[in-house]
Amino acid sequence: MHAYLVIEYDKGPTGFEGMQALINEKAAEGYALHQVIERSTYQWVLIFRKAQ
């Protein structure tokens, strides 16, 4: 069974650099990006899956 982590992310007007840093941070913790959902121009939901 996989464990999932859901994070709401507001990238703001500065771009995607912070989102990429978050993805890298979670990868270092053993999570792989599973899905990204755009809620609005700046708000996203990132779903990570724990690597086995």
Protein backbone atom coordinates (compact mmCIF):
# COMPACT_ATOMS: atom_id res chain seq x y z
CA MET A 1 0.00 0.00 0.00
CA HIS A 2 1.23 3.48 -0.88
CA ALA A 3 1.16 6.41 1.49
CA TYR A 4 0.15 9.73 -0.03
CA LEU A 5 0.93 13.29 0.99
CA VAL A 6 -1.28 16.15 -0.24
CA ILE A 7 0.04 19.71 -0.11
CA GLU A 8 -1.83 22.85 -1.15
CA TYR A 9 0.65 25.27 -2.68
CA ASP A 10 0.33 28.96 -3.53
CA LYS A 11 3.10 29.78 -5.99
CA GLY A 12 2.34 33.50 -6.00
CA PRO A 13 3.39 35.80 -8.80
CA THR A 14 7.10 34.93 -8.48
CA GLY A 15 6.93 31.74 -10.51
CA PHE A 16 7.56 28.04 -10.11
CA GLU A 17 10.99 28.10 -8.41
CA GLY A 18 9.48 27.60 -4.96
CA MET A 19 7.30 24.76 -6.20
CA GLN A 20 10.33 23.02 -7.68
CA ALA A 21 12.18 23.45 -4.37
CA LEU A 22 9.23 21.84 -2.55
CA ILE A 23 9.20 18.93 -5.01
CA ASN A 24 12.94 18.46 -4.50
CA GLU A 25 12.56 18.61 -0.71
CA LYS A 26 9.85 15.94 -0.73
CA ALA A 27 11.92 13.77 -3.09
CA ALA A 28 14.74 13.89 -0.55
CA GLU A 29 12.22 12.66 2.05
CA GLY A 30 11.32 9.69 -0.16
CA TYR A 31 8.20 11.02 -1.88
CA ALA A 32 7.67 11.00 -5.63
CA LEU A 33 5.42 13.57 -7.27
CA HIS A 34 2.28 11.69 -8.30
CA GLN A 35 -0.10 14.40 -9.55
CA VAL A 36 -0.44 18.18 -9.77
CA ILE A 37 -3.83 19.86 -9.88
CA GLU A 38 -4.22 23.53 -10.82
CA ARG A 39 -6.93 25.17 -8.73
CA SER A 40 -6.34 28.72 -9.97
CA THR A 41 -3.58 30.80 -11.53
CA TYR A 42 -1.51 30.68 -8.35
CA GLN A 43 -2.99 27.84 -6.29
CA TRP A 44 -2.04 24.24 -6.90
CA VAL A 45 -2.48 20.90 -5.13
CA LEU A 46 0.53 18.60 -5.22
CA ILE A 47 0.03 14.91 -4.48
CA PHE A 48 3.09 12.87 -3.57
CA ARG A 49 3.39 9.11 -3.25
CA LYS A 50 5.79 7.56 -0.74
CA ALA A 51 8.37 5.43 -2.51
CA GLN A 52 8.49 1.84 -1.32
